[in-house]
Amino acid sequence: MKKIIAFAGSNSKDSINLQLAVYASSLTENTKVTVLDLNDFELPLYGIDYEIEHGIPDNAHKFLEHIKSSDGIVLSLAEHNGAYATVFKNIFDWMSRIDGKLWSEKPMLLMATSPGGRGGATALEIAKGRFPYMGGNIVAEYSLPSFGTNFQDGRIIDNELNNQLLAQVKQLQNNL
């Protein structure tokens, strides 16, 4: 059985991106899904002075180990002011100090959602441009616009949008 990790690039306790990642990962077949919460991997703000003085925190190593021990990744990015959420950028920066190719070529379903009509598209585009340089193997992507309208009771209620996600989940599965 293949092992995938699912997480959101957010530390909101009510993260809409975590809800989307959990839903998408639930659509996979014959997989063991581990849902990760960035709140469980608290890290100091990255800075070279901190790294020199204290080294790389254990939580960065622990999160990176989850990536390395998985067969695939489901990640949904929160968008804050047109970029990744700070909490995601911070863990991303710490892990890159351990391994510059931190995504380890694991097949990834990269997603984003937001309350607005663009569905986190800007953060998604930034990630699509950056992740391949960091060992990212983005085999599928998905953006869910207007989360509050299109996602209810733990699932996407718009059939067309749900079918688009199902196709992307299938792409991920085909690459595991």
N, C-alpha and C. Protein backbone atom coordinates (compact mmCIF):
# COMPACT_ATOMS: atom_id res chain seq x y z
N MET A 1 0.84 -1.18 0.00
CA MET A 1 0.00 0.00 0.00
C MET A 1 0.88 1.25 0.00
N LYS A 2 0.57 2.19 -0.87
CA LYS A 2 1.33 3.44 -0.97
C LYS A 2 0.98 4.36 0.19
N LYS A 3 1.99 5.13 0.62
CA LYS A 3 1.81 6.07 1.73
C LYS A 3 1.87 7.49 1.18
N ILE A 4 0.83 8.27 1.48
CA ILE A 4 0.86 9.67 1.09
C ILE A 4 0.68 10.55 2.33
N ILE A 5 1.23 11.74 2.24
CA ILE A 5 1.00 12.73 3.28
C ILE A 5 0.12 13.82 2.69
N ALA A 6 -0.73 14.38 3.52
CA ALA A 6 -1.61 15.47 3.12
C ALA A 6 -1.46 16.58 4.15
N PHE A 7 -1.29 17.80 3.67
CA PHE A 7 -1.20 18.93 4.59
C PHE A 7 -1.52 20.22 3.86
N ALA A 8 -1.70 21.26 4.65
CA ALA A 8 -1.98 22.59 4.12
C ALA A 8 -0.83 23.50 4.46
N GLY A 9 -0.60 24.47 3.61
CA GLY A 9 0.39 25.50 3.88
C GLY A 9 -0.24 26.60 4.72
N SER A 10 -0.78 26.20 5.86
CA SER A 10 -1.52 27.11 6.74
C SER A 10 -1.42 26.61 8.17
N ASN A 11 -1.52 27.53 9.11
CA ASN A 11 -1.60 27.13 10.51
C ASN A 11 -2.92 27.52 11.13
N SER A 12 -3.90 27.85 10.32
CA SER A 12 -5.24 28.15 10.84
C SER A 12 -5.87 26.88 11.38
N LYS A 13 -6.44 26.96 12.56
CA LYS A 13 -7.09 25.77 13.13
C LYS A 13 -8.32 25.37 12.33
N ASP A 14 -8.87 26.29 11.55
CA ASP A 14 -10.02 26.01 10.69
C ASP A 14 -9.64 26.12 9.22
N SER A 15 -8.43 25.74 8.89
CA SER A 15 -7.89 25.94 7.55
C SER A 15 -8.76 25.33 6.45
N ILE A 16 -9.18 26.17 5.53
CA ILE A 16 -9.94 25.66 4.38
C ILE A 16 -9.03 24.84 3.48
N ASN A 17 -7.75 25.18 3.46
CA ASN A 17 -6.81 24.41 2.65
C ASN A 17 -6.56 23.03 3.24
N LEU A 18 -6.55 22.92 4.56
CA LEU A 18 -6.42 21.60 5.17
C LEU A 18 -7.67 20.77 4.87
N GLN A 19 -8.84 21.40 4.92
CA GLN A 19 -10.07 20.67 4.58
C GLN A 19 -10.01 20.14 3.15
N LEU A 20 -9.51 20.96 2.24
CA LEU A 20 -9.39 20.52 0.84
C LEU A 20 -8.37 19.40 0.70
N ALA A 21 -7.24 19.52 1.37
CA ALA A 21 -6.20 18.47 1.30
C ALA A 21 -6.72 17.15 1.86
N VAL A 22 -7.43 17.21 2.97
CA VAL A 22 -7.99 15.99 3.56
C VAL A 22 -9.01 15.36 2.61
N TYR A 23 -9.87 16.18 2.04
CA TYR A 23 -10.86 15.66 1.10
C TYR A 23 -10.19 15.02 -0.11
N ALA A 24 -9.25 15.73 -0.71
CA ALA A 24 -8.56 15.19 -1.90
C ALA A 24 -7.87 13.88 -1.58
N SER A 25 -7.19 13.82 -0.43
CA SER A 25 -6.48 12.58 -0.09
C SER A 25 -7.45 11.44 0.19
N SER A 26 -8.66 11.76 0.64
CA SER A 26 -9.67 10.72 0.90
C SER A 26 -10.16 10.08 -0.40
N LEU A 27 -9.94 10.73 -1.51
CA LEU A 27 -10.36 10.20 -2.81
C LEU A 27 -9.36 9.22 -3.40
N THR A 28 -8.18 9.10 -2.79
CA THR A 28 -7.20 8.15 -3.28
C THR A 28 -7.62 6.74 -2.92
N GLU A 29 -7.12 5.77 -3.66
CA GLU A 29 -7.46 4.37 -3.42
C GLU A 29 -6.20 3.60 -3.04
N ASN A 30 -6.37 2.63 -2.16
CA ASN A 30 -5.28 1.76 -1.74
C ASN A 30 -4.07 2.54 -1.25
N THR A 31 -4.34 3.55 -0.45
CA THR A 31 -3.27 4.36 0.12
C THR A 31 -3.47 4.49 1.63
N LYS A 32 -2.36 4.69 2.31
CA LYS A 32 -2.39 5.04 3.73
C LYS A 32 -2.09 6.53 3.79
N VAL A 33 -3.05 7.31 4.29
CA VAL A 33 -2.92 8.75 4.31
C VAL A 33 -2.54 9.21 5.72
N THR A 34 -1.50 10.02 5.80
CA THR A 34 -1.13 10.69 7.05
C THR A 34 -1.36 12.17 6.86
N VAL A 35 -2.25 12.72 7.68
CA VAL A 35 -2.54 14.15 7.63
C VAL A 35 -1.61 14.86 8.61
N LEU A 36 -0.89 15.84 8.10
CA LEU A 36 0.03 16.62 8.93
C LEU A 36 -0.55 18.01 9.15
N ASP A 37 -0.29 18.56 10.33
CA ASP A 37 -0.74 19.89 10.70
C ASP A 37 0.50 20.71 11.04
N LEU A 38 0.70 21.82 10.34
CA LEU A 38 1.89 22.63 10.59
C LEU A 38 1.97 23.11 12.03
N ASN A 39 0.84 23.18 12.73
CA ASN A 39 0.86 23.57 14.15
C ASN A 39 1.61 22.56 15.01
N ASP A 40 1.75 21.35 14.54
CA ASP A 40 2.48 20.31 15.28
C ASP A 40 3.98 20.36 15.03
N PHE A 41 4.41 21.32 14.20
CA PHE A 41 5.83 21.44 13.82
C PHE A 41 6.29 22.89 13.99
N GLU A 42 6.02 23.42 15.16
CA GLU A 42 6.36 24.82 15.42
C GLU A 42 7.87 25.05 15.27
N LEU A 43 8.20 26.15 14.63
CA LEU A 43 9.59 26.49 14.35
C LEU A 43 9.83 27.98 14.59
N PRO A 44 11.03 28.34 15.01
CA PRO A 44 11.35 29.77 15.07
C PRO A 44 11.44 30.32 13.65
N LEU A 45 11.27 31.62 13.51
CA LEU A 45 11.40 32.25 12.22
C LEU A 45 12.82 32.00 11.70
N TYR A 46 12.91 31.55 10.43
CA TYR A 46 14.23 31.22 9.90
C TYR A 46 15.11 32.45 9.84
N GLY A 47 16.36 32.28 10.23
CA GLY A 47 17.39 33.30 10.08
C GLY A 47 18.74 32.62 10.18
N ILE A 48 19.69 33.07 9.39
CA ILE A 48 21.01 32.44 9.39
C ILE A 48 21.68 32.57 10.75
N ASP A 49 21.46 33.70 11.44
CA ASP A 49 22.06 33.86 12.77
C ASP A 49 21.53 32.82 13.73
N TYR A 50 20.21 32.56 13.68
CA TYR A 50 19.63 31.53 14.54
C TYR A 50 20.22 30.17 14.19
N GLU A 51 20.30 29.88 12.91
CA GLU A 51 20.82 28.58 12.49
C GLU A 51 22.26 28.38 12.96
N ILE A 52 23.09 29.40 12.85
CA ILE A 52 24.49 29.30 13.28
C ILE A 52 24.57 29.08 14.79
N GLU A 53 23.73 29.80 15.52
CA GLU A 53 23.77 29.72 16.99
C GLU A 53 23.16 28.43 17.54
N HIS A 54 22.06 27.98 16.94
CA HIS A 54 21.29 26.88 17.53
C HIS A 54 21.18 25.64 16.65
N GLY A 55 21.57 25.76 15.41
CA GLY A 55 21.39 24.64 14.48
C GLY A 55 19.98 24.60 13.93
N ILE A 56 19.69 23.54 13.21
CA ILE A 56 18.36 23.37 12.60
C ILE A 56 17.46 22.66 13.59
N PRO A 57 16.29 23.23 13.88
CA PRO A 57 15.38 22.63 14.87
C PRO A 57 14.90 21.23 14.47
N ASP A 58 14.65 20.41 15.49
CA ASP A 58 14.17 19.04 15.26
C ASP A 58 12.90 18.98 14.43
N ASN A 59 11.98 19.94 14.61
CA ASN A 59 10.72 19.87 13.87
C ASN A 59 10.92 20.00 12.37
N ALA A 60 11.95 20.69 11.93
CA ALA A 60 12.24 20.75 10.49
C ALA A 60 12.69 19.38 10.00
N HIS A 61 13.53 18.73 10.78
CA HIS A 61 13.97 17.36 10.42
C HIS A 61 12.78 16.39 10.42
N LYS A 62 11.91 16.50 11.42
CA LYS A 62 10.76 15.59 11.52
C LYS A 62 9.82 15.75 10.33
N PHE A 63 9.53 17.00 9.95
CA PHE A 63 8.63 17.22 8.82
C PHE A 63 9.26 16.70 7.53
N LEU A 64 10.53 16.97 7.35
CA LEU A 64 11.22 16.49 6.15
C LEU A 64 11.21 14.97 6.10
N GLU A 65 11.32 14.32 7.23
CA GLU A 65 11.28 12.85 7.26
C GLU A 65 9.92 12.33 6.80
N HIS A 66 8.86 13.04 7.14
CA HIS A 66 7.53 12.65 6.64
C HIS A 66 7.50 12.70 5.11
N ILE A 67 8.10 13.72 4.55
CA ILE A 67 8.14 13.83 3.08
C ILE A 67 8.94 12.67 2.51
N LYS A 68 10.13 12.46 3.03
CA LYS A 68 11.03 11.44 2.49
C LYS A 68 10.48 10.02 2.63
N SER A 69 9.70 9.77 3.67
CA SER A 69 9.18 8.42 3.90
C SER A 69 7.83 8.19 3.20
N SER A 70 7.33 9.19 2.49
CA SER A 70 6.06 9.03 1.79
C SER A 70 6.31 8.60 0.34
N ASP A 71 5.23 8.15 -0.28
CA ASP A 71 5.26 7.84 -1.70
C ASP A 71 4.67 8.97 -2.53
N GLY A 72 3.96 9.89 -1.88
CA GLY A 72 3.33 11.01 -2.58
C GLY A 72 2.85 12.07 -1.60
N ILE A 73 2.56 13.24 -2.15
CA ILE A 73 2.20 14.41 -1.35
C ILE A 73 0.94 15.06 -1.90
N VAL A 74 0.03 15.38 -1.00
CA VAL A 74 -1.13 16.22 -1.31
C VAL A 74 -0.95 17.48 -0.49
N LEU A 75 -0.78 18.61 -1.16
CA LEU A 75 -0.52 19.88 -0.50
C LEU A 75 -1.46 20.94 -1.04
N SER A 76 -2.14 21.64 -0.14
CA SER A 76 -2.98 22.76 -0.52
C SER A 76 -2.46 24.01 0.16
N LEU A 77 -2.10 24.99 -0.64
CA LEU A 77 -1.46 26.21 -0.14
C LEU A 77 -2.46 27.31 0.16
N ALA A 78 -2.31 27.90 1.33
CA ALA A 78 -3.06 29.11 1.65
C ALA A 78 -2.36 30.28 0.96
N GLU A 79 -3.13 31.27 0.58
CA GLU A 79 -2.56 32.45 -0.05
C GLU A 79 -2.79 33.65 0.86
N HIS A 80 -1.69 34.29 1.25
CA HIS A 80 -1.75 35.51 2.06
C HIS A 80 -1.10 36.62 1.27
N ASN A 81 -1.87 37.63 0.92
CA ASN A 81 -1.35 38.78 0.17
C ASN A 81 -0.59 38.36 -1.08
N GLY A 82 -1.12 37.38 -1.79
CA GLY A 82 -0.55 36.98 -3.06
C GLY A 82 0.67 36.09 -2.98
N ALA A 83 0.92 35.48 -1.83
CA ALA A 83 2.08 34.60 -1.67
C ALA A 83 1.72 33.48 -0.69
N TYR A 84 2.68 32.58 -0.47
CA TYR A 84 2.48 31.53 0.53
C TYR A 84 2.24 32.16 1.89
N ALA A 85 1.57 31.42 2.75
CA ALA A 85 1.45 31.84 4.15
C ALA A 85 2.83 31.78 4.79
N THR A 86 3.10 32.67 5.71
CA THR A 86 4.41 32.75 6.36
C THR A 86 4.80 31.43 7.01
N VAL A 87 3.86 30.77 7.66
CA VAL A 87 4.18 29.52 8.35
C VAL A 87 4.69 28.46 7.36
N PHE A 88 4.11 28.42 6.16
CA PHE A 88 4.58 27.47 5.17
C PHE A 88 5.96 27.87 4.66
N LYS A 89 6.13 29.14 4.33
CA LYS A 89 7.43 29.60 3.84
C LYS A 89 8.53 29.32 4.85
N ASN A 90 8.21 29.46 6.13
CA ASN A 90 9.19 29.23 7.18
C ASN A 90 9.63 27.76 7.25
N ILE A 91 8.67 26.83 7.24
CA ILE A 91 9.05 25.42 7.30
C ILE A 91 9.76 25.01 6.01
N PHE A 92 9.32 25.57 4.91
CA PHE A 92 9.96 25.34 3.60
C PHE A 92 11.42 25.80 3.66
N ASP A 93 11.66 26.99 4.21
CA ASP A 93 13.03 27.51 4.32
C ASP A 93 13.89 26.64 5.22
N TRP A 94 13.35 26.24 6.37
CA TRP A 94 14.13 25.40 7.29
C TRP A 94 14.49 24.07 6.62
N MET A 95 13.50 23.42 5.97
CA MET A 95 13.78 22.13 5.35
C MET A 95 14.80 22.27 4.22
N SER A 96 14.77 23.38 3.52
CA SER A 96 15.72 23.56 2.42
C SER A 96 17.15 23.68 2.92
N ARG A 97 17.34 24.03 4.18
CA ARG A 97 18.68 24.09 4.76
C ARG A 97 19.22 22.68 5.05
N ILE A 98 18.31 21.72 5.17
CA ILE A 98 18.70 20.32 5.38
C ILE A 98 18.95 19.65 4.04
N ASP A 99 18.02 19.89 3.09
CA ASP A 99 18.09 19.26 1.78
C ASP A 99 17.52 20.23 0.76
N GLY A 100 18.35 20.72 -0.13
CA GLY A 100 17.91 21.66 -1.16
C GLY A 100 16.86 21.08 -2.09
N LYS A 101 16.81 19.77 -2.19
CA LYS A 101 15.80 19.09 -3.01
C LYS A 101 14.76 18.45 -2.09
N LEU A 102 14.25 19.24 -1.18
CA LEU A 102 13.42 18.74 -0.07
C LEU A 102 12.20 17.95 -0.50
N TRP A 103 11.65 18.20 -1.67
CA TRP A 103 10.46 17.45 -2.09
C TRP A 103 10.81 16.05 -2.58
N SER A 104 12.08 15.77 -2.77
CA SER A 104 12.59 14.42 -3.05
C SER A 104 11.94 13.75 -4.27
N GLU A 105 11.50 14.54 -5.22
CA GLU A 105 10.88 14.02 -6.45
C GLU A 105 9.63 13.17 -6.17
N LYS A 106 9.02 13.35 -5.01
CA LYS A 106 7.78 12.62 -4.70
C LYS A 106 6.65 13.18 -5.56
N PRO A 107 5.83 12.33 -6.15
CA PRO A 107 4.68 12.83 -6.92
C PRO A 107 3.80 13.70 -6.02
N MET A 108 3.39 14.85 -6.55
CA MET A 108 2.65 15.80 -5.74
C MET A 108 1.39 16.27 -6.46
N LEU A 109 0.30 16.29 -5.71
CA LEU A 109 -0.91 17.00 -6.11
C LEU A 109 -0.85 18.33 -5.39
N LEU A 110 -0.63 19.39 -6.14
CA LEU A 110 -0.47 20.73 -5.59
C LEU A 110 -1.78 21.48 -5.80
N MET A 111 -2.31 22.03 -4.71
CA MET A 111 -3.61 22.69 -4.77
C MET A 111 -3.58 24.01 -4.01
N ALA A 112 -4.66 24.75 -4.18
CA ALA A 112 -4.91 25.95 -3.39
C ALA A 112 -6.40 26.22 -3.43
N THR A 113 -6.88 26.88 -2.39
CA THR A 113 -8.25 27.37 -2.38
C THR A 113 -8.26 28.68 -1.60
N SER A 114 -9.34 29.41 -1.79
CA SER A 114 -9.52 30.66 -1.05
C SER A 114 -11.01 30.99 -1.06
N PRO A 115 -11.39 31.96 -0.24
CA PRO A 115 -12.80 32.38 -0.27
C PRO A 115 -13.16 33.08 -1.58
N GLY A 116 -12.17 33.62 -2.27
CA GLY A 116 -12.42 34.38 -3.49
C GLY A 116 -12.46 33.54 -4.75
N GLY A 117 -12.78 34.20 -5.83
CA GLY A 117 -12.97 33.54 -7.12
C GLY A 117 -11.71 33.04 -7.79
N ARG A 118 -10.54 33.46 -7.32
CA ARG A 118 -9.29 33.01 -7.95
C ARG A 118 -8.75 31.74 -7.31
N GLY A 119 -9.26 31.35 -6.17
CA GLY A 119 -8.90 30.07 -5.56
C GLY A 119 -7.44 29.91 -5.20
N GLY A 120 -6.79 31.00 -4.78
CA GLY A 120 -5.38 30.89 -4.39
C GLY A 120 -4.44 30.73 -5.58
N ALA A 121 -4.88 31.17 -6.75
CA ALA A 121 -4.11 30.94 -7.99
C ALA A 121 -2.72 31.55 -7.94
N THR A 122 -2.55 32.68 -7.28
CA THR A 122 -1.24 33.33 -7.27
C THR A 122 -0.22 32.50 -6.49
N ALA A 123 -0.61 32.02 -5.32
CA ALA A 123 0.30 31.16 -4.53
C ALA A 123 0.60 29.88 -5.30
N LEU A 124 -0.40 29.34 -5.97
CA LEU A 124 -0.21 28.12 -6.75
C LEU A 124 0.81 28.36 -7.87
N GLU A 125 0.72 29.47 -8.55
CA GLU A 125 1.67 29.79 -9.62
C GLU A 125 3.09 29.96 -9.08
N ILE A 126 3.22 30.61 -7.93
CA ILE A 126 4.54 30.77 -7.32
C ILE A 126 5.15 29.39 -7.03
N ALA A 127 4.35 28.51 -6.44
CA ALA A 127 4.83 27.16 -6.09
C ALA A 127 5.21 26.37 -7.35
N LYS A 128 4.39 26.46 -8.39
CA LYS A 128 4.68 25.74 -9.63
C LYS A 128 5.99 26.21 -10.25
N GLY A 129 6.31 27.47 -10.06
CA GLY A 129 7.56 27.99 -10.58
C GLY A 129 8.77 27.64 -9.73
N ARG A 130 8.57 27.49 -8.43
CA ARG A 130 9.68 27.29 -7.49
C ARG A 130 9.96 25.83 -7.15
N PHE A 131 8.91 25.05 -6.89
CA PHE A 131 9.08 23.69 -6.38
C PHE A 131 9.95 22.78 -7.25
N PRO A 132 9.85 22.84 -8.59
CA PRO A 132 10.70 21.95 -9.39
C PRO A 132 12.19 22.13 -9.13
N TYR A 133 12.62 23.32 -8.76
CA TYR A 133 14.02 23.55 -8.43
C TYR A 133 14.40 22.93 -7.09
N MET A 134 13.38 22.59 -6.31
CA MET A 134 13.59 22.04 -4.97
C MET A 134 13.18 20.56 -4.91
N GLY A 135 13.29 19.86 -6.03
CA GLY A 135 12.93 18.44 -6.08
C GLY A 135 11.45 18.19 -6.18
N GLY A 136 10.68 19.20 -6.56
CA GLY A 136 9.23 19.05 -6.67
C GLY A 136 8.83 18.34 -7.96
N ASN A 137 8.01 17.34 -7.83
CA ASN A 137 7.50 16.57 -8.97
C ASN A 137 5.98 16.75 -8.99
N ILE A 138 5.55 17.90 -9.50
CA ILE A 138 4.12 18.23 -9.52
C ILE A 138 3.48 17.48 -10.68
N VAL A 139 2.73 16.45 -10.36
CA VAL A 139 2.10 15.62 -11.40
C VAL A 139 0.64 16.00 -11.61
N ALA A 140 0.08 16.78 -10.67
CA ALA A 140 -1.31 17.20 -10.76
C ALA A 140 -1.47 18.50 -10.00
N GLU A 141 -2.43 19.32 -10.44
CA GLU A 141 -2.68 20.58 -9.76
C GLU A 141 -4.17 20.90 -9.79
N TYR A 142 -4.58 21.69 -8.82
CA TYR A 142 -6.01 22.00 -8.71
C TYR A 142 -6.20 23.27 -7.90
N SER A 143 -7.11 24.10 -8.36
CA SER A 143 -7.48 25.32 -7.64
C SER A 143 -8.99 25.31 -7.45
N LEU A 144 -9.44 25.49 -6.21
CA LEU A 144 -10.88 25.55 -5.91
C LEU A 144 -11.26 26.99 -5.59
N PRO A 145 -12.02 27.63 -6.47
CA PRO A 145 -12.46 28.99 -6.19
C PRO A 145 -13.63 29.01 -5.20
N SER A 146 -13.82 30.15 -4.57
CA SER A 146 -15.01 30.39 -3.73
C SER A 146 -15.31 29.22 -2.79
N PHE A 147 -14.35 28.94 -1.91
CA PHE A 147 -14.46 27.77 -1.03
C PHE A 147 -15.80 27.69 -0.32
N GLY A 148 -16.26 28.77 0.27
CA GLY A 148 -17.50 28.75 1.05
C GLY A 148 -18.73 28.37 0.25
N THR A 149 -18.71 28.65 -1.03
CA THR A 149 -19.82 28.31 -1.92
C THR A 149 -19.69 26.88 -2.44
N ASN A 150 -18.46 26.46 -2.74
CA ASN A 150 -18.25 25.20 -3.45
C ASN A 150 -17.88 24.01 -2.57
N PHE A 151 -17.63 24.23 -1.30
CA PHE A 151 -17.22 23.15 -0.40
C PHE A 151 -18.11 23.17 0.82
N GLN A 152 -18.85 22.10 1.01
CA GLN A 152 -19.75 22.01 2.16
C GLN A 152 -19.81 20.58 2.65
N ASP A 153 -19.97 20.43 3.95
CA ASP A 153 -20.09 19.10 4.57
C ASP A 153 -18.92 18.19 4.20
N GLY A 154 -17.72 18.77 4.14
CA GLY A 154 -16.52 17.98 3.91
C GLY A 154 -16.26 17.57 2.49
N ARG A 155 -16.96 18.18 1.54
CA ARG A 155 -16.76 17.79 0.14
C ARG A 155 -17.08 18.94 -0.81
N ILE A 156 -16.62 18.79 -2.05
CA ILE A 156 -16.94 19.77 -3.10
C ILE A 156 -18.34 19.45 -3.62
N ILE A 157 -19.21 20.44 -3.59
CA ILE A 157 -20.60 20.19 -3.98
C ILE A 157 -20.89 20.51 -5.45
N ASP A 158 -20.02 21.26 -6.10
CA ASP A 158 -20.18 21.54 -7.52
C ASP A 158 -19.64 20.34 -8.30
N ASN A 159 -20.48 19.69 -9.08
CA ASN A 159 -20.09 18.46 -9.78
C ASN A 159 -18.93 18.67 -10.74
N GLU A 160 -18.94 19.76 -11.49
CA GLU A 160 -17.86 20.00 -12.45
C GLU A 160 -16.52 20.18 -11.72
N LEU A 161 -16.52 20.98 -10.66
CA LEU A 161 -15.29 21.19 -9.90
C LEU A 161 -14.83 19.90 -9.22
N ASN A 162 -15.78 19.12 -8.74
CA ASN A 162 -15.42 17.85 -8.10
C ASN A 162 -14.82 16.88 -9.13
N ASN A 163 -15.40 16.84 -10.31
CA ASN A 163 -14.86 15.96 -11.35
C ASN A 163 -13.46 16.39 -11.77
N GLN A 164 -13.20 17.70 -11.79
CA GLN A 164 -11.86 18.19 -12.09
C GLN A 164 -10.87 17.70 -11.03
N LEU A 165 -11.28 17.75 -9.77
CA LEU A 165 -10.40 17.26 -8.70
C LEU A 165 -10.19 15.76 -8.83
N LEU A 166 -11.25 15.01 -9.10
CA LEU A 166 -11.12 13.56 -9.25
C LEU A 166 -10.11 13.21 -10.34
N ALA A 167 -10.11 13.96 -11.43
CA ALA A 167 -9.14 13.71 -12.52
C ALA A 167 -7.71 13.98 -12.03
N GLN A 168 -7.53 14.99 -11.21
CA GLN A 168 -6.19 15.30 -10.71
C GLN A 168 -5.73 14.27 -9.68
N VAL A 169 -6.65 13.80 -8.86
CA VAL A 169 -6.32 12.74 -7.89
C VAL A 169 -5.90 11.47 -8.65
N LYS A 170 -6.59 11.19 -9.74
CA LYS A 170 -6.23 10.03 -10.57
C LYS A 170 -4.83 10.19 -11.14
N GLN A 171 -4.49 11.41 -11.56
CA GLN A 171 -3.13 11.69 -12.06
C GLN A 171 -2.10 11.38 -10.99
N LEU A 172 -2.38 11.82 -9.76
CA LEU A 172 -1.47 11.52 -8.66
C LEU A 172 -1.33 10.02 -8.48
N GLN A 173 -2.45 9.32 -8.42
CA GLN A 173 -2.43 7.87 -8.21
C GLN A 173 -1.64 7.16 -9.29
N ASN A 174 -1.78 7.61 -10.52
CA ASN A 174 -1.08 6.99 -11.64
C ASN A 174 0.44 7.17 -11.54
N ASN A 175 0.87 8.13 -10.74
CA ASN A 175 2.29 8.42 -10.60
C ASN A 175 2.90 7.93 -9.30
N LEU A 176 2.09 7.33 -8.44
CA LEU A 176 2.61 6.82 -7.17
C LEU A 176 3.44 5.57 -7.39
